N, C-alpha and C. Protein backbone atom coordinates (compact mmCIF):
# COMPACT_ATOMS: atom_id res chain seq x y z
N MET A 1 75.00 30.37 24.52
CA MET A 1 73.49 31.00 24.48
C MET A 1 74.47 32.73 24.81
N THR A 2 74.21 33.49 24.07
CA THR A 2 74.35 34.87 24.08
C THR A 2 73.33 35.59 24.51
N ARG A 3 73.66 36.62 25.47
CA ARG A 3 72.31 37.29 26.20
C ARG A 3 72.36 38.96 25.66
N ILE A 4 71.83 39.35 25.11
CA ILE A 4 72.10 40.90 24.36
C ILE A 4 70.63 41.32 25.99
N GLY A 5 70.97 42.57 26.36
CA GLY A 5 69.82 43.36 26.76
C GLY A 5 69.27 44.80 25.96
N LEU A 6 68.10 44.87 26.14
CA LEU A 6 67.14 45.54 25.61
C LEU A 6 66.73 46.31 25.96
N ILE A 7 66.75 47.70 25.80
CA ILE A 7 66.47 48.73 26.57
C ILE A 7 65.47 50.29 25.66
N SER A 8 64.18 50.55 26.52
CA SER A 8 64.12 51.80 25.64
C SER A 8 63.02 52.35 26.32
N ASP A 9 63.04 53.92 26.22
CA ASP A 9 62.08 55.07 26.56
C ASP A 9 61.99 54.95 27.76
N THR A 10 63.52 55.06 28.65
CA THR A 10 63.64 55.20 29.82
C THR A 10 63.51 57.00 30.34
N HIS A 11 63.29 57.54 29.29
CA HIS A 11 63.13 59.44 29.81
C HIS A 11 63.73 59.53 31.00
N GLY A 12 64.75 59.48 30.95
CA GLY A 12 65.53 59.90 32.24
C GLY A 12 65.43 59.49 33.41
N LEU A 13 64.90 58.30 33.55
CA LEU A 13 65.02 57.20 34.85
C LEU A 13 65.19 55.79 34.65
N LEU A 14 66.62 55.70 35.39
CA LEU A 14 66.82 54.20 35.05
C LEU A 14 66.56 53.47 36.55
N ARG A 15 65.46 52.37 35.98
CA ARG A 15 64.94 51.53 37.52
C ARG A 15 66.28 50.98 37.80
N PRO A 16 66.23 50.43 38.84
CA PRO A 16 66.92 49.58 39.42
C PRO A 16 66.65 47.95 38.92
N GLN A 17 65.58 47.84 39.17
CA GLN A 17 65.05 46.84 38.40
C GLN A 17 65.37 46.31 37.08
N ALA A 18 65.43 47.42 36.22
CA ALA A 18 65.78 47.72 34.74
C ALA A 18 67.21 46.71 35.11
N LEU A 19 68.27 47.22 35.46
CA LEU A 19 70.16 47.41 36.14
C LEU A 19 69.83 45.84 36.46
N ALA A 20 68.86 45.58 36.97
CA ALA A 20 69.60 43.91 37.88
C ALA A 20 68.90 43.18 36.27
N ALA A 21 67.42 43.40 35.73
CA ALA A 21 67.53 42.36 34.48
C ALA A 21 68.60 42.43 33.44
N LEU A 22 69.41 43.49 33.51
CA LEU A 22 70.13 43.67 32.04
C LEU A 22 71.65 43.16 32.71
N ALA A 23 71.91 42.63 34.12
CA ALA A 23 73.24 42.34 34.62
C ALA A 23 73.73 40.90 33.92
N GLY A 24 74.85 40.71 33.72
CA GLY A 24 75.68 39.70 33.10
C GLY A 24 74.99 39.99 31.45
N CYS A 25 74.43 40.22 30.56
CA CYS A 25 74.13 40.67 29.22
C CYS A 25 75.88 41.12 28.55
N ALA A 26 75.87 40.44 27.81
CA ALA A 26 77.33 40.59 26.74
C ALA A 26 76.97 41.90 25.77
N HIS A 27 75.91 42.67 25.66
CA HIS A 27 75.61 43.83 25.19
C HIS A 27 74.35 44.60 25.40
N ILE A 28 74.31 46.15 25.33
CA ILE A 28 73.20 46.16 25.66
C ILE A 28 72.44 47.36 24.21
N VAL A 29 71.58 47.37 24.15
CA VAL A 29 71.02 48.18 23.08
C VAL A 29 69.99 49.12 23.93
N HIS A 30 70.05 50.57 24.16
CA HIS A 30 69.52 51.58 23.68
C HIS A 30 68.30 51.97 22.58
N ALA A 31 66.84 51.67 22.59
CA ALA A 31 65.75 52.03 21.40
C ALA A 31 65.60 53.34 21.30
N GLY A 32 66.26 54.46 22.15
CA GLY A 32 65.90 55.67 22.20
C GLY A 32 65.08 56.11 23.10
N ASP A 33 64.49 57.75 23.38
CA ASP A 33 64.36 58.14 24.45
C ASP A 33 64.85 58.16 25.62
N ILE A 34 66.14 58.09 25.22
CA ILE A 34 66.89 58.29 26.70
C ILE A 34 66.60 58.83 27.87
N GLY A 35 66.57 60.39 27.50
CA GLY A 35 66.62 61.56 28.53
C GLY A 35 67.50 61.64 29.24
N ASP A 36 68.74 61.32 29.52
CA ASP A 36 69.86 61.59 30.47
C ASP A 36 71.24 60.82 29.46
N PRO A 37 72.06 61.40 29.42
CA PRO A 37 73.35 61.04 28.69
C PRO A 37 73.68 59.53 30.26
N ALA A 38 73.68 59.91 31.17
CA ALA A 38 73.59 59.06 32.55
C ALA A 38 73.26 57.83 32.41
N ILE A 39 72.34 57.41 31.88
CA ILE A 39 71.69 56.28 31.69
C ILE A 39 72.51 55.43 30.45
N LEU A 40 73.27 56.05 29.39
CA LEU A 40 74.10 55.31 28.85
C LEU A 40 75.12 55.13 29.61
N ASP A 41 76.09 55.86 30.49
CA ASP A 41 77.13 55.85 31.16
C ASP A 41 77.08 54.70 32.24
N ALA A 42 75.58 54.57 32.93
CA ALA A 42 75.27 53.56 33.87
C ALA A 42 75.46 52.32 33.37
N LEU A 43 74.59 51.98 31.92
CA LEU A 43 74.55 50.66 30.95
C LEU A 43 75.71 50.01 30.96
N ALA A 44 77.02 51.23 30.39
CA ALA A 44 78.06 50.95 29.90
C ALA A 44 79.11 50.16 31.02
N ARG A 45 78.62 50.48 32.32
CA ARG A 45 79.26 50.25 33.25
C ARG A 45 78.68 48.27 33.22
N ILE A 46 77.76 47.88 32.77
CA ILE A 46 77.23 46.78 32.89
C ILE A 46 77.81 45.64 31.28
N ALA A 47 77.87 46.57 30.31
CA ALA A 47 78.42 45.89 28.99
C ALA A 47 78.62 47.00 27.84
N PRO A 48 79.43 46.66 26.66
CA PRO A 48 78.96 47.35 25.60
C PRO A 48 77.68 47.79 25.53
N VAL A 49 77.04 49.60 24.70
CA VAL A 49 76.29 49.84 24.42
C VAL A 49 75.95 50.43 22.98
N SER A 50 74.81 49.66 22.45
CA SER A 50 74.64 50.28 20.92
C SER A 50 73.28 51.18 21.61
N ALA A 51 73.16 52.83 20.82
CA ALA A 51 72.00 53.52 21.41
C ALA A 51 71.49 53.88 20.29
N VAL A 52 70.20 54.44 20.13
CA VAL A 52 69.56 55.71 19.29
C VAL A 52 69.09 56.60 19.61
N ARG A 53 68.93 57.84 19.58
CA ARG A 53 68.52 59.04 20.05
C ARG A 53 66.75 58.59 19.80
N GLY A 54 66.02 58.86 20.45
CA GLY A 54 64.34 59.25 20.21
C GLY A 54 64.00 60.54 19.52
N ASN A 55 62.55 60.83 19.65
CA ASN A 55 61.83 61.81 18.99
C ASN A 55 61.91 62.77 20.71
N ASN A 56 62.13 62.53 21.24
CA ASN A 56 62.66 63.47 22.98
C ASN A 56 63.96 63.52 22.85
N ASP A 57 64.49 62.96 22.94
CA ASP A 57 66.30 63.16 22.41
C ASP A 57 66.77 64.71 22.17
N ARG A 58 66.32 65.51 22.34
CA ARG A 58 66.68 66.92 21.61
C ARG A 58 68.02 67.46 22.44
N GLU A 59 68.50 67.35 23.44
CA GLU A 59 69.48 68.42 24.15
C GLU A 59 70.54 67.79 23.49
N PRO A 60 71.42 69.04 23.37
CA PRO A 60 72.93 69.11 23.00
C PRO A 60 73.82 67.34 22.85
N TRP A 61 73.65 66.88 23.99
CA TRP A 61 74.27 65.45 23.93
C TRP A 61 74.12 64.88 22.92
N ALA A 62 72.83 64.87 22.77
CA ALA A 62 71.84 63.60 21.55
C ALA A 62 73.11 64.03 20.72
N GLU A 63 72.70 64.88 20.17
CA GLU A 63 73.37 64.94 18.96
C GLU A 63 74.46 63.96 18.15
N ASN A 64 75.13 63.80 19.27
CA ASN A 64 76.10 62.62 18.87
C ASN A 64 75.81 61.50 18.79
N VAL A 65 74.14 60.88 18.94
CA VAL A 65 73.53 59.82 19.17
C VAL A 65 73.24 59.75 17.78
N PRO A 66 72.93 58.56 17.13
CA PRO A 66 72.44 58.09 15.51
C PRO A 66 71.15 58.28 16.01
N GLU A 67 70.09 58.32 14.84
CA GLU A 67 68.98 58.25 14.66
C GLU A 67 68.57 56.62 14.22
N GLN A 68 69.64 56.10 13.89
CA GLN A 68 69.74 54.31 13.13
C GLN A 68 70.65 53.42 13.36
N LEU A 69 70.63 53.09 13.27
CA LEU A 69 72.26 52.09 13.32
C LEU A 69 71.78 50.72 12.79
N GLY A 70 72.92 50.56 12.16
CA GLY A 70 72.92 48.89 11.85
C GLY A 70 74.20 48.38 12.55
N PHE A 71 74.07 47.32 13.49
CA PHE A 71 75.61 46.83 13.88
C PHE A 71 75.35 45.08 13.54
N LYS A 72 76.42 44.43 14.10
CA LYS A 72 76.89 43.08 14.32
C LYS A 72 77.05 42.94 15.73
N VAL A 73 76.30 41.80 16.28
CA VAL A 73 76.38 41.48 17.83
C VAL A 73 76.32 40.30 17.73
N ALA A 74 77.19 39.50 18.42
CA ALA A 74 76.60 37.80 18.33
C ALA A 74 76.37 37.14 16.97
N GLY A 75 77.09 37.69 16.00
CA GLY A 75 77.32 37.33 14.94
C GLY A 75 75.67 37.63 14.17
N LEU A 76 75.15 38.47 14.63
CA LEU A 76 73.14 38.75 13.98
C LEU A 76 73.91 40.50 13.35
N ARG A 77 72.85 40.34 12.31
CA ARG A 77 72.98 41.47 11.58
C ARG A 77 71.68 42.42 12.33
N VAL A 78 71.68 43.46 13.07
CA VAL A 78 70.47 44.26 13.95
C VAL A 78 70.59 45.81 13.10
N HIS A 79 69.65 45.96 13.01
CA HIS A 79 68.84 47.65 13.04
C HIS A 79 67.87 47.90 13.70
N LEU A 80 68.43 49.21 14.27
CA LEU A 80 67.80 50.27 16.11
C LEU A 80 67.73 51.27 15.07
N LEU A 81 66.29 51.39 16.01
CA LEU A 81 65.81 52.49 15.24
C LEU A 81 64.59 52.80 16.32
N HIS A 82 63.96 54.41 16.93
CA HIS A 82 63.58 54.60 17.73
C HIS A 82 61.90 54.56 16.75
N GLU A 83 61.34 54.62 15.95
CA GLU A 83 59.83 54.77 15.90
C GLU A 83 60.14 54.11 14.32
N ILE A 84 59.50 52.86 14.33
CA ILE A 84 59.30 51.95 13.63
C ILE A 84 58.72 51.82 12.24
N ALA A 85 57.92 52.83 12.60
CA ALA A 85 57.66 53.83 11.00
C ALA A 85 58.63 54.21 10.27
N HIS A 86 59.64 55.06 10.72
CA HIS A 86 60.95 55.19 9.84
C HIS A 86 61.63 53.61 9.15
N LEU A 87 61.34 52.76 9.45
CA LEU A 87 61.99 51.66 8.72
C LEU A 87 62.14 51.72 7.30
N ARG A 88 63.01 51.78 6.70
CA ARG A 88 62.83 51.31 5.07
C ARG A 88 63.72 49.96 4.62
N LEU A 89 62.81 49.10 5.01
CA LEU A 89 63.66 47.55 5.15
C LEU A 89 64.34 47.89 3.53
N GLU A 90 64.25 48.04 2.67
CA GLU A 90 64.08 47.78 0.87
C GLU A 90 65.74 48.81 0.59
N SER A 91 65.71 49.84 1.71
CA SER A 91 67.10 50.47 2.28
C SER A 91 68.45 49.87 2.50
N LEU A 92 68.08 48.77 3.25
CA LEU A 92 69.00 47.91 4.30
C LEU A 92 69.94 47.37 3.21
N SER A 93 71.01 47.47 3.21
CA SER A 93 71.87 46.39 2.49
C SER A 93 73.11 46.01 3.47
N PRO A 94 73.30 44.87 4.15
CA PRO A 94 72.01 43.42 3.64
C PRO A 94 71.24 43.97 4.79
N LYS A 95 69.97 42.88 4.67
CA LYS A 95 68.98 42.99 5.17
C LYS A 95 69.26 42.53 6.64
N PRO A 96 69.01 43.55 7.64
CA PRO A 96 69.15 42.49 9.20
C PRO A 96 68.44 41.54 9.46
N GLN A 97 68.82 40.85 10.58
CA GLN A 97 68.05 39.53 10.81
C GLN A 97 67.07 39.82 11.60
N VAL A 98 67.45 41.21 12.76
CA VAL A 98 66.50 41.68 14.09
C VAL A 98 66.45 42.96 13.71
N VAL A 99 65.30 43.47 14.26
CA VAL A 99 65.04 45.04 14.20
C VAL A 99 64.54 45.18 15.52
N ILE A 100 65.07 46.32 16.33
CA ILE A 100 65.05 46.43 17.61
C ILE A 100 64.33 48.06 17.44
N TYR A 101 63.31 48.43 17.93
CA TYR A 101 63.08 49.78 18.26
C TYR A 101 62.09 49.73 19.55
N GLY A 102 61.69 51.13 19.85
CA GLY A 102 60.49 51.55 20.60
C GLY A 102 59.77 52.33 20.73
N HIS A 103 59.61 53.25 21.03
CA HIS A 103 58.76 54.66 20.97
C HIS A 103 57.60 54.28 21.14
N SER A 104 56.43 53.52 21.20
CA SER A 104 55.33 53.01 21.71
C SER A 104 54.92 52.42 22.89
N HIS A 105 56.22 52.47 23.74
CA HIS A 105 55.75 52.06 24.99
C HIS A 105 55.06 50.66 25.28
N LYS A 106 55.02 49.96 24.00
CA LYS A 106 54.43 48.93 23.89
C LYS A 106 55.08 47.79 23.72
N PRO A 107 55.55 46.72 24.52
CA PRO A 107 56.39 45.79 24.48
C PRO A 107 56.12 44.67 23.20
N LEU A 108 56.96 44.17 22.70
CA LEU A 108 56.29 43.22 21.26
C LEU A 108 57.73 42.62 21.12
N VAL A 109 57.40 41.11 20.59
CA VAL A 109 58.39 40.01 20.14
C VAL A 109 57.53 39.66 18.86
N GLU A 110 57.61 39.78 17.30
CA GLU A 110 57.19 39.32 16.58
C GLU A 110 58.31 38.84 15.43
N ARG A 111 57.77 38.02 14.68
CA ARG A 111 58.59 37.35 13.61
C ARG A 111 57.37 37.78 12.44
N CYS A 112 58.31 38.56 11.23
CA CYS A 112 57.40 38.37 10.08
C CYS A 112 58.65 38.56 9.36
N ASP A 113 58.19 37.91 7.89
CA ASP A 113 58.83 37.44 6.51
C ASP A 113 60.47 37.35 7.09
N GLY A 114 60.45 36.76 8.12
CA GLY A 114 61.71 36.19 8.62
C GLY A 114 62.70 36.95 8.88
N LEU A 115 62.17 37.97 9.73
CA LEU A 115 62.55 38.67 10.67
C LEU A 115 61.94 38.70 12.00
N LEU A 116 63.25 39.08 13.00
CA LEU A 116 62.91 38.73 14.62
C LEU A 116 62.82 40.74 14.81
N TYR A 117 61.05 40.83 15.00
CA TYR A 117 60.95 42.68 15.64
C TYR A 117 61.04 42.40 16.71
N VAL A 118 61.48 43.38 17.56
CA VAL A 118 61.66 43.52 19.05
C VAL A 118 61.65 45.20 19.96
N ASN A 119 60.29 45.05 19.83
CA ASN A 119 60.08 46.31 21.06
C ASN A 119 59.91 45.58 22.47
N PRO A 120 61.02 46.37 23.25
CA PRO A 120 61.30 46.03 24.65
C PRO A 120 60.35 47.09 25.75
N GLY A 121 59.74 47.78 24.99
CA GLY A 121 58.76 48.48 26.37
C GLY A 121 59.36 49.78 26.70
N SER A 122 58.36 50.26 27.50
CA SER A 122 59.23 51.42 27.83
C SER A 122 59.75 50.93 29.74
N ALA A 123 60.93 51.47 30.28
CA ALA A 123 61.78 50.79 31.03
C ALA A 123 61.50 52.04 31.94
N GLY A 124 60.96 53.44 31.45
CA GLY A 124 60.77 54.70 32.10
C GLY A 124 59.91 54.67 32.80
N PRO A 125 59.45 55.98 32.99
CA PRO A 125 57.90 56.52 33.85
C PRO A 125 56.68 55.67 32.76
N ARG A 126 55.84 55.11 33.92
CA ARG A 126 54.62 54.48 33.02
C ARG A 126 54.37 55.27 32.83
N ARG A 127 53.70 54.80 31.76
CA ARG A 127 52.24 55.52 30.40
C ARG A 127 51.32 54.69 30.47
N PHE A 128 50.60 55.27 30.69
CA PHE A 128 48.95 55.01 31.09
C PHE A 128 48.66 53.68 31.76
N ARG A 129 48.23 52.04 31.05
CA ARG A 129 48.32 51.03 31.79
C ARG A 129 49.02 50.13 31.46
N LEU A 130 50.64 50.44 30.56
CA LEU A 130 51.40 49.98 29.98
C LEU A 130 52.30 48.91 31.02
N PRO A 131 52.71 47.99 31.05
CA PRO A 131 53.42 47.74 31.48
C PRO A 131 54.87 48.36 31.61
N VAL A 132 55.68 48.28 32.64
CA VAL A 132 57.38 48.92 32.14
C VAL A 132 58.02 47.37 32.52
N SER A 133 58.64 47.55 31.62
CA SER A 133 59.67 46.17 30.60
C SER A 133 60.82 46.42 30.05
N VAL A 134 61.52 45.42 30.09
CA VAL A 134 63.04 45.41 28.93
C VAL A 134 63.09 44.31 28.16
N ALA A 135 63.64 43.74 27.55
CA ALA A 135 63.98 42.45 26.66
C ALA A 135 65.29 41.92 26.71
N GLU A 136 65.38 41.18 26.24
CA GLU A 136 66.22 39.86 26.27
C GLU A 136 66.43 39.08 24.68
N LEU A 137 67.25 39.38 24.09
CA LEU A 137 67.30 38.77 22.52
C LEU A 137 68.77 37.75 23.19
N LEU A 138 68.17 36.51 22.82
CA LEU A 138 69.19 35.22 22.56
C LEU A 138 69.81 35.04 21.90
N VAL A 139 70.96 34.56 21.23
CA VAL A 139 71.29 33.81 20.43
C VAL A 139 72.00 32.53 21.02
N ASP A 140 71.56 31.72 20.05
CA ASP A 140 71.78 30.08 20.82
C ASP A 140 73.14 29.51 19.75
N GLU A 141 73.46 28.92 20.12
CA GLU A 141 75.08 27.97 19.60
C GLU A 141 74.79 28.16 17.86
N SER A 142 73.66 27.94 16.98
CA SER A 142 73.69 27.67 15.52
C SER A 142 74.00 29.29 15.38
N GLY A 143 73.29 30.15 16.24
CA GLY A 143 73.48 31.52 15.57
C GLY A 143 71.76 32.39 15.44
N ALA A 144 70.46 31.35 15.47
CA ALA A 144 69.24 31.64 15.67
C ALA A 144 68.65 32.56 16.87
N PRO A 145 68.42 33.43 16.43
CA PRO A 145 67.63 34.50 17.89
C PRO A 145 66.73 34.33 17.93
N SER A 146 65.93 34.64 19.61
CA SER A 146 64.68 34.92 19.91
C SER A 146 65.09 35.44 20.97
N ALA A 147 63.71 36.30 21.21
CA ALA A 147 64.10 37.38 22.63
C ALA A 147 62.62 36.75 23.42
N ARG A 148 62.87 37.46 24.14
CA ARG A 148 61.82 37.90 25.17
C ARG A 148 61.35 38.96 26.15
N ILE A 149 60.37 39.28 26.57
CA ILE A 149 59.98 40.95 27.27
C ILE A 149 60.03 39.83 28.74
N ILE A 150 60.70 41.23 29.66
CA ILE A 150 60.69 40.69 31.24
C ILE A 150 60.11 42.08 31.57
N GLU A 151 59.12 42.22 32.70
CA GLU A 151 58.41 42.91 32.81
C GLU A 151 58.96 43.19 34.03
N LEU A 152 59.16 44.33 34.66
CA LEU A 152 59.97 44.59 35.92
C LEU A 152 58.69 45.00 36.96
N VAL A 153 59.11 44.77 38.28
CA VAL A 153 58.22 45.45 39.17
C VAL A 153 58.38 46.41 39.25
N SER A 154 57.04 47.17 39.30
CA SER A 154 57.40 49.04 39.27
C SER A 154 56.12 49.32 40.27
N ASP A 155 56.23 50.83 40.17
CA ASP A 155 55.14 51.51 41.22
C ASP A 155 53.90 51.17 40.98
């Protein structure tokens, strides 16, 4: 079983609970609104990181972070973006098996038309009454993906 950590919408705040939840992951994916490049550095001390910039990542350091990213991890084809509204599946070849996104701060794991969609929610400052969370993407021995939301104890 391979465990991939998913995090989004940190907005410059990397909680110790998020680091603890991501410890031991083989790879970490950040779905944007990073807020501070030091967050990517801290995550990279745990595992290799794939990241995209979000709509709030406007500083010069974020110019080198892509808006969308297609990659393979643990044999899975993954497409990463910040806002799901910007997804154009018909333009992606080959089609991903997993789509990871953020922006809404609402954690979600959903299967639709053979794809696994995961929004890890927000691990940064609390917004409204939404949970503070990360997620994990699990890849079993057969290569099948599953995911779960990990709600973080927070303020």
